[in-house]
């Protein structure tokens, strides 16, 4: 049985593997054209709405934040792991990176044009996710966009499933279930992508991106 992990435990776990994580994932977008395409669509809809200020929440070592900056967005990163933020600041000194928690963001109401949450909610137990979605809604401006990525659960009969992640216990979500939670917090789904696992993937989970908009 996989036990829930306290937030501090998750933070410490990522602090411990930060350097290895950076080495493993710094070039991950180069090898994933679909992920680049999804991020490109996210950047385009944010710019089309007349904005460009975007927070990459759970930014890790900052490589995706830097990618968003390269797409013309005013992007900054937030992560709970001080070690990850230290790596991000060293690798991308021209960008802003802050230590922070997704359930209590130091960001004023309605000031963001976009929020990216790329596999950053997977360590949240189901009862803690609503508070984070409420924060996403709070910091987004009207018409702002959220792009959230996660692994899919096994089906609608099991809307959430815990699994033994390499760093800390994590959760998978059935896409329709998570989309319904987003709607409950004022974030209407506008698009989704589902990538089937590659034969070489260690875990045979579908990878999901949901794009949503604040009314």
C-alpha atoms as a PDB file:
ATOM      1  CA  UNK A   1       0.000   0.000   0.000  1.00  0.00           C
ATOM      2  CA  UNK A   2       1.283   3.471  -0.916  1.00  0.00           C
ATOM      3  CA  UNK A   3       1.025   5.968   1.944  1.00  0.00           C
ATOM      4  CA  UNK A   4       0.183   9.643   1.581  1.00  0.00           C
ATOM      5  CA  UNK A   5       3.216  11.926   1.798  1.00  0.00           C
ATOM      6  CA  UNK A   6       3.166  15.124   3.855  1.00  0.00           C
ATOM      7  CA  UNK A   7       4.023  18.316   1.902  1.00  0.00           C
ATOM      8  CA  UNK A   8       7.297  18.711   3.780  1.00  0.00           C
ATOM      9  CA  UNK A   9       8.255  15.148   2.948  1.00  0.00           C
ATOM     10  CA  UNK A  10       7.605  15.737  -0.757  1.00  0.00           C
ATOM     11  CA  UNK A  11       9.637  18.951  -0.665  1.00  0.00           C
ATOM     12  CA  UNK A  12      12.552  17.211   1.042  1.00  0.00           C
ATOM     13  CA  UNK A  13      12.372  14.330  -1.432  1.00  0.00           C
ATOM     14  CA  UNK A  14      12.672  16.715  -4.385  1.00  0.00           C
ATOM     15  CA  UNK A  15      15.454  18.656  -2.677  1.00  0.00           C
ATOM     16  CA  UNK A  16      17.383  15.400  -2.416  1.00  0.00           C
ATOM     17  CA  UNK A  17      17.069  14.523  -6.111  1.00  0.00           C
ATOM     18  CA  UNK A  18      17.143  18.042  -7.594  1.00  0.00           C
ATOM     19  CA  UNK A  19      20.488  17.742  -9.397  1.00  0.00           C
ATOM     20  CA  UNK A  20      19.623  14.326 -10.850  1.00  0.00           C
ATOM     21  CA  UNK A  21      16.174  15.555 -11.885  1.00  0.00           C
ATOM     22  CA  UNK A  22      17.662  18.548 -13.693  1.00  0.00           C
ATOM     23  CA  UNK A  23      20.083  16.328 -15.597  1.00  0.00           C
ATOM     24  CA  UNK A  24      17.324  13.911 -16.594  1.00  0.00           C
ATOM     25  CA  UNK A  25      14.760  16.470 -17.755  1.00  0.00           C
ATOM     26  CA  UNK A  26      16.615  19.573 -18.948  1.00  0.00           C
ATOM     27  CA  UNK A  27      16.322  18.415 -22.582  1.00  0.00           C
ATOM     28  CA  UNK A  28      13.011  16.568 -22.269  1.00  0.00           C
ATOM     29  CA  UNK A  29      11.076  19.015 -24.450  1.00  0.00           C
ATOM     30  CA  UNK A  30      13.580  18.550 -27.277  1.00  0.00           C
ATOM     31  CA  UNK A  31      12.506  14.912 -27.513  1.00  0.00           C
ATOM     32  CA  UNK A  32       8.749  15.539 -27.130  1.00  0.00           C
ATOM     33  CA  UNK A  33       7.226  17.366 -30.111  1.00  0.00           C
ATOM     34  CA  UNK A  34       3.690  16.856 -28.777  1.00  0.00           C
ATOM     35  CA  UNK A  35       4.535  18.548 -25.481  1.00  0.00           C
ATOM     36  CA  UNK A  36       6.152  21.430 -27.366  1.00  0.00           C
ATOM     37  CA  UNK A  37       3.044  21.745 -29.513  1.00  0.00           C
ATOM     38  CA  UNK A  38       0.725  21.840 -26.489  1.00  0.00           C
ATOM     39  CA  UNK A  39       2.874  24.484 -24.803  1.00  0.00           C
ATOM     40  CA  UNK A  40       2.875  26.426 -28.063  1.00  0.00           C
ATOM     41  CA  UNK A  41      -0.939  26.397 -28.177  1.00  0.00           C
ATOM     42  CA  UNK A  42      -1.044  27.532 -24.545  1.00  0.00           C
ATOM     43  CA  UNK A  43       1.291  30.440 -25.329  1.00  0.00           C
ATOM     44  CA  UNK A  44      -0.741  31.383 -28.388  1.00  0.00           C
ATOM     45  CA  UNK A  45      -4.112  31.489 -26.602  1.00  0.00           C
ATOM     46  CA  UNK A  46      -2.616  33.525 -23.752  1.00  0.00           C
ATOM     47  CA  UNK A  47      -1.170  36.054 -26.203  1.00  0.00           C
ATOM     48  CA  UNK A  48      -4.370  36.097 -28.275  1.00  0.00           C
ATOM     49  CA  UNK A  49      -6.314  37.102 -25.175  1.00  0.00           C
ATOM     50  CA  UNK A  50      -4.059  40.147 -24.924  1.00  0.00           C
ATOM     51  CA  UNK A  51      -1.855  38.960 -22.091  1.00  0.00           C
ATOM     52  CA  UNK A  52       1.447  37.318 -21.435  1.00  0.00           C
ATOM     53  CA  UNK A  53       2.144  37.075 -17.674  1.00  0.00           C
ATOM     54  CA  UNK A  54       2.310  33.385 -16.819  1.00  0.00           C
ATOM     55  CA  UNK A  55       3.268  31.418 -13.709  1.00  0.00           C
ATOM     56  CA  UNK A  56       4.851  27.993 -14.092  1.00  0.00           C
ATOM     57  CA  UNK A  57       3.715  26.377 -10.822  1.00  0.00           C
ATOM     58  CA  UNK A  58       5.854  23.449  -9.783  1.00  0.00           C
ATOM     59  CA  UNK A  59       8.555  24.672 -12.149  1.00  0.00           C
ATOM     60  CA  UNK A  60      11.325  22.355 -10.942  1.00  0.00           C
ATOM     61  CA  UNK A  61      14.701  23.371 -12.418  1.00  0.00           C
ATOM     62  CA  UNK A  62      13.073  25.912 -14.723  1.00  0.00           C
ATOM     63  CA  UNK A  63      13.512  24.417 -18.190  1.00  0.00           C
ATOM     64  CA  UNK A  64       9.814  24.720 -19.070  1.00  0.00           C
ATOM     65  CA  UNK A  65       9.638  28.263 -17.661  1.00  0.00           C
ATOM     66  CA  UNK A  66      12.526  29.161 -19.975  1.00  0.00           C
ATOM     67  CA  UNK A  67      10.693  27.532 -22.890  1.00  0.00           C
ATOM     68  CA  UNK A  68       7.628  29.688 -22.195  1.00  0.00           C
ATOM     69  CA  UNK A  69       9.864  32.756 -22.098  1.00  0.00           C
ATOM     70  CA  UNK A  70      11.188  31.748 -25.508  1.00  0.00           C
ATOM     71  CA  UNK A  71       7.597  31.619 -26.778  1.00  0.00           C
ATOM     72  CA  UNK A  72       7.153  35.289 -25.957  1.00  0.00           C
ATOM     73  CA  UNK A  73       5.476  35.035 -22.557  1.00  0.00           C
ATOM     74  CA  UNK A  74       6.465  36.926 -19.422  1.00  0.00           C
ATOM     75  CA  UNK A  75       6.978  33.698 -17.473  1.00  0.00           C
ATOM     76  CA  UNK A  76       8.164  33.106 -13.938  1.00  0.00           C
ATOM     77  CA  UNK A  77       8.445  29.930 -11.879  1.00  0.00           C
ATOM     78  CA  UNK A  78       7.313  28.826  -8.421  1.00  0.00           C
ATOM     79  CA  UNK A  79       8.303  25.599  -6.687  1.00  0.00           C
ATOM     80  CA  UNK A  80       8.140  24.265  -3.128  1.00  0.00           C
ATOM     81  CA  UNK A  81      11.688  22.869  -3.361  1.00  0.00           C
ATOM     82  CA  UNK A  82      14.420  25.403  -2.509  1.00  0.00           C
ATOM     83  CA  UNK A  83      16.977  23.153  -4.203  1.00  0.00           C
ATOM     84  CA  UNK A  84      15.002  23.178  -7.452  1.00  0.00           C
ATOM     85  CA  UNK A  85      14.633  26.956  -7.301  1.00  0.00           C
ATOM     86  CA  UNK A  86      18.366  27.313  -6.734  1.00  0.00           C
ATOM     87  CA  UNK A  87      19.084  25.261  -9.854  1.00  0.00           C
ATOM     88  CA  UNK A  88      16.525  27.240 -11.875  1.00  0.00           C
ATOM     89  CA  UNK A  89      18.049  30.572 -10.847  1.00  0.00           C
ATOM     90  CA  UNK A  90      21.538  29.420 -11.809  1.00  0.00           C
ATOM     91  CA  UNK A  91      20.467  27.999 -15.163  1.00  0.00           C
ATOM     92  CA  UNK A  92      18.209  30.919 -16.111  1.00  0.00           C
ATOM     93  CA  UNK A  93      19.414  34.027 -14.254  1.00  0.00           C
ATOM     94  CA  UNK A  94      17.341  36.348 -16.447  1.00  0.00           C
ATOM     95  CA  UNK A  95      14.080  34.837 -15.185  1.00  0.00           C
ATOM     96  CA  UNK A  96      12.290  35.063 -11.835  1.00  0.00           C
ATOM     97  CA  UNK A  97      11.947  31.970  -9.642  1.00  0.00           C
ATOM     98  CA  UNK A  98      10.356  31.877  -6.184  1.00  0.00           C
ATOM     99  CA  UNK A  99       9.977  29.276  -3.457  1.00  0.00           C
ATOM    100  CA  UNK A 100       6.275  28.901  -2.746  1.00  0.00           C
ATOM    101  CA  UNK A 101       3.286  26.637  -2.229  1.00  0.00           C
ATOM    102  CA  UNK A 102       0.491  26.174  -4.761  1.00  0.00           C
ATOM    103  CA  UNK A 103      -2.192  26.313  -2.071  1.00  0.00           C
ATOM    104  CA  UNK A 104      -1.052  29.732  -0.794  1.00  0.00           C
ATOM    105  CA  UNK A 105       0.498  31.649  -3.686  1.00  0.00           C
ATOM    106  CA  UNK A 106       2.125  35.015  -3.062  1.00  0.00           C
ATOM    107  CA  UNK A 107       0.402  36.408  -6.160  1.00  0.00           C
ATOM    108  CA  UNK A 108      -2.282  39.096  -6.191  1.00  0.00           C
ATOM    109  CA  UNK A 109      -5.842  38.273  -7.248  1.00  0.00           C
ATOM    110  CA  UNK A 110      -6.561  38.271 -10.963  1.00  0.00           C
ATOM    111  CA  UNK A 111      -3.084  39.284 -12.106  1.00  0.00           C
ATOM    112  CA  UNK A 112      -2.044  36.313 -14.266  1.00  0.00           C
ATOM    113  CA  UNK A 113      -2.912  35.716 -17.888  1.00  0.00           C
ATOM    114  CA  UNK A 114      -1.920  32.070 -17.653  1.00  0.00           C
ATOM    115  CA  UNK A 115      -1.073  29.314 -15.190  1.00  0.00           C
ATOM    116  CA  UNK A 116       0.912  26.238 -16.122  1.00  0.00           C
ATOM    117  CA  UNK A 117       0.657  23.230 -13.809  1.00  0.00           C
ATOM    118  CA  UNK A 118       2.683  20.528 -15.507  1.00  0.00           C
ATOM    119  CA  UNK A 119       2.624  17.376 -13.389  1.00  0.00           C
ATOM    120  CA  UNK A 120       2.792  19.617 -10.312  1.00  0.00           C
ATOM    121  CA  UNK A 121      -0.494  18.455  -8.731  1.00  0.00           C
ATOM    122  CA  UNK A 122       0.255  14.740  -8.844  1.00  0.00           C
ATOM    123  CA  UNK A 123       1.535  14.583  -5.265  1.00  0.00           C
ATOM    124  CA  UNK A 124      -1.624  16.196  -3.843  1.00  0.00           C
ATOM    125  CA  UNK A 125      -4.059  13.850  -2.103  1.00  0.00           C
ATOM    126  CA  UNK A 126      -7.558  14.214  -3.598  1.00  0.00           C
ATOM    127  CA  UNK A 127      -8.879  16.188  -0.624  1.00  0.00           C
ATOM    128  CA  UNK A 128      -6.128  18.806  -1.050  1.00  0.00           C
ATOM    129  CA  UNK A 129      -6.583  19.429  -4.776  1.00  0.00           C
ATOM    130  CA  UNK A 130      -9.667  21.700  -4.476  1.00  0.00           C
ATOM    131  CA  UNK A 131      -7.733  24.316  -2.461  1.00  0.00           C
ATOM    132  CA  UNK A 132      -5.086  24.435  -5.182  1.00  0.00           C
ATOM    133  CA  UNK A 133      -7.658  24.751  -7.964  1.00  0.00           C
ATOM    134  CA  UNK A 134      -9.243  27.611  -6.009  1.00  0.00           C
ATOM    135  CA  UNK A 135      -5.831  29.322  -5.934  1.00  0.00           C
ATOM    136  CA  UNK A 136      -5.421  28.848  -9.688  1.00  0.00           C
ATOM    137  CA  UNK A 137      -8.798  30.539 -10.190  1.00  0.00           C
ATOM    138  CA  UNK A 138      -7.966  33.335  -7.746  1.00  0.00           C
ATOM    139  CA  UNK A 139      -4.725  34.414  -9.394  1.00  0.00           C
ATOM    140  CA  UNK A 140      -5.997  34.197 -12.982  1.00  0.00           C
ATOM    141  CA  UNK A 141      -7.469  37.272 -14.614  1.00  0.00           C
ATOM    142  CA  UNK A 142     -10.901  36.918 -16.247  1.00  0.00           C
ATOM    143  CA  UNK A 143     -10.312  35.134 -19.532  1.00  0.00           C
ATOM    144  CA  UNK A 144      -6.999  33.737 -18.298  1.00  0.00           C
ATOM    145  CA  UNK A 145      -5.941  30.218 -19.247  1.00  0.00           C
ATOM    146  CA  UNK A 146      -4.815  27.194 -17.240  1.00  0.00           C
ATOM    147  CA  UNK A 147      -2.860  24.299 -18.725  1.00  0.00           C
ATOM    148  CA  UNK A 148      -2.711  21.338 -16.351  1.00  0.00           C
ATOM    149  CA  UNK A 149      -0.902  18.052 -17.061  1.00  0.00           C
ATOM    150  CA  UNK A 150      -1.221  14.753 -15.207  1.00  0.00           C
ATOM    151  CA  UNK A 151      -1.373  10.987 -15.681  1.00  0.00           C
ATOM    152  CA  UNK A 152      -4.732   9.340 -16.301  1.00  0.00           C
ATOM    153  CA  UNK A 153      -6.243   6.815 -13.915  1.00  0.00           C
ATOM    154  CA  UNK A 154      -7.511   3.462 -15.091  1.00  0.00           C
ATOM    155  CA  UNK A 155     -11.064   4.559 -15.871  1.00  0.00           C
ATOM    156  CA  UNK A 156     -14.198   6.369 -14.671  1.00  0.00           C
ATOM    157  CA  UNK A 157     -14.833   3.717 -12.027  1.00  0.00           C
ATOM    158  CA  UNK A 158     -11.522   4.747 -10.425  1.00  0.00           C
ATOM    159  CA  UNK A 159     -11.376   8.559 -10.811  1.00  0.00           C
ATOM    160  CA  UNK A 160      -8.244   8.797  -8.652  1.00  0.00           C
ATOM    161  CA  UNK A 161      -5.539   6.200  -8.147  1.00  0.00           C
ATOM    162  CA  UNK A 162      -2.405   6.401  -6.059  1.00  0.00           C
ATOM    163  CA  UNK A 163       0.841   5.019  -7.447  1.00  0.00           C
ATOM    164  CA  UNK A 164       4.414   4.634  -6.304  1.00  0.00           C
ATOM    165  CA  UNK A 165       6.196   7.546  -7.980  1.00  0.00           C
ATOM    166  CA  UNK A 166      10.001   7.468  -8.098  1.00  0.00           C
ATOM    167  CA  UNK A 167      10.293  10.494  -5.777  1.00  0.00           C
ATOM    168  CA  UNK A 168       7.138  10.490  -3.624  1.00  0.00           C
ATOM    169  CA  UNK A 169       3.658   8.891  -3.683  1.00  0.00           C
ATOM    170  CA  UNK A 170       1.536  10.380  -6.449  1.00  0.00           C
ATOM    171  CA  UNK A 171      -1.961  10.312  -7.887  1.00  0.00           C
ATOM    172  CA  UNK A 172      -3.504   9.708 -11.276  1.00  0.00           C
ATOM    173  CA  UNK A 173      -6.825  11.291 -12.284  1.00  0.00           C
ATOM    174  CA  UNK A 174      -9.548  10.315 -14.721  1.00  0.00           C
ATOM    175  CA  UNK A 175      -9.647  13.261 -17.172  1.00  0.00           C
ATOM    176  CA  UNK A 176     -13.421  13.773 -17.052  1.00  0.00           C
ATOM    177  CA  UNK A 177     -13.304  13.830 -13.257  1.00  0.00           C
ATOM    178  CA  UNK A 178     -10.567  16.445 -13.127  1.00  0.00           C
ATOM    179  CA  UNK A 179     -12.320  18.503 -15.811  1.00  0.00           C
ATOM    180  CA  UNK A 180     -15.475  18.474 -13.641  1.00  0.00           C
ATOM    181  CA  UNK A 181     -13.441  19.718 -10.660  1.00  0.00           C
ATOM    182  CA  UNK A 182     -12.061  22.534 -12.805  1.00  0.00           C
ATOM    183  CA  UNK A 183     -15.619  23.534 -13.788  1.00  0.00           C
ATOM    184  CA  UNK A 184     -16.623  23.570 -10.128  1.00  0.00           C
ATOM    185  CA  UNK A 185     -13.918  26.176  -9.561  1.00  0.00           C
ATOM    186  CA  UNK A 186     -14.842  28.382 -12.501  1.00  0.00           C
ATOM    187  CA  UNK A 187     -12.357  26.952 -15.008  1.00  0.00           C
ATOM    188  CA  UNK A 188     -14.064  25.642 -18.145  1.00  0.00           C
ATOM    189  CA  UNK A 189     -12.226  23.062 -20.247  1.00  0.00           C
ATOM    190  CA  UNK A 190     -11.543  24.231 -23.791  1.00  0.00           C
ATOM    191  CA  UNK A 191      -9.320  21.408 -25.079  1.00  0.00           C
ATOM    192  CA  UNK A 192      -7.488  18.266 -24.043  1.00  0.00           C
ATOM    193  CA  UNK A 193      -4.789  15.998 -25.394  1.00  0.00           C
ATOM    194  CA  UNK A 194      -4.152  12.407 -24.375  1.00  0.00           C
ATOM    195  CA  UNK A 195      -0.846  10.771 -25.231  1.00  0.00           C
ATOM    196  CA  UNK A 196      -0.655   7.005 -25.157  1.00  0.00           C
ATOM    197  CA  UNK A 197       2.414   5.565 -23.409  1.00  0.00           C
ATOM    198  CA  UNK A 198       5.384   4.547 -25.470  1.00  0.00           C
ATOM    199  CA  UNK A 199       6.365   0.862 -25.314  1.00  0.00           C
ATOM    200  CA  UNK A 200       9.556   1.875 -23.514  1.00  0.00           C
ATOM    201  CA  UNK A 201       7.755   3.908 -20.815  1.00  0.00           C
ATOM    202  CA  UNK A 202       8.325   2.482 -17.352  1.00  0.00           C
ATOM    203  CA  UNK A 203       4.688   3.097 -16.465  1.00  0.00           C
ATOM    204  CA  UNK A 204       1.975   2.465 -19.034  1.00  0.00           C
ATOM    205  CA  UNK A 205      -0.120   5.517 -18.122  1.00  0.00           C
ATOM    206  CA  UNK A 206      -1.848   7.902 -20.512  1.00  0.00           C
ATOM    207  CA  UNK A 207      -0.477  11.439 -20.241  1.00  0.00           C
ATOM    208  CA  UNK A 208      -3.146  14.166 -20.247  1.00  0.00           C
ATOM    209  CA  UNK A 209      -3.099  17.924 -20.836  1.00  0.00           C
ATOM    210  CA  UNK A 210      -6.263  19.895 -20.074  1.00  0.00           C
ATOM    211  CA  UNK A 211      -6.582  23.489 -21.265  1.00  0.00           C
ATOM    212  CA  UNK A 212      -9.159  25.552 -19.370  1.00  0.00           C
ATOM    213  CA  UNK A 213     -10.298  29.160 -19.280  1.00  0.00           C
ATOM    214  CA  UNK A 214     -11.519  31.351 -16.437  1.00  0.00           C
ATOM    215  CA  UNK A 215     -14.889  32.855 -17.284  1.00  0.00           C
END
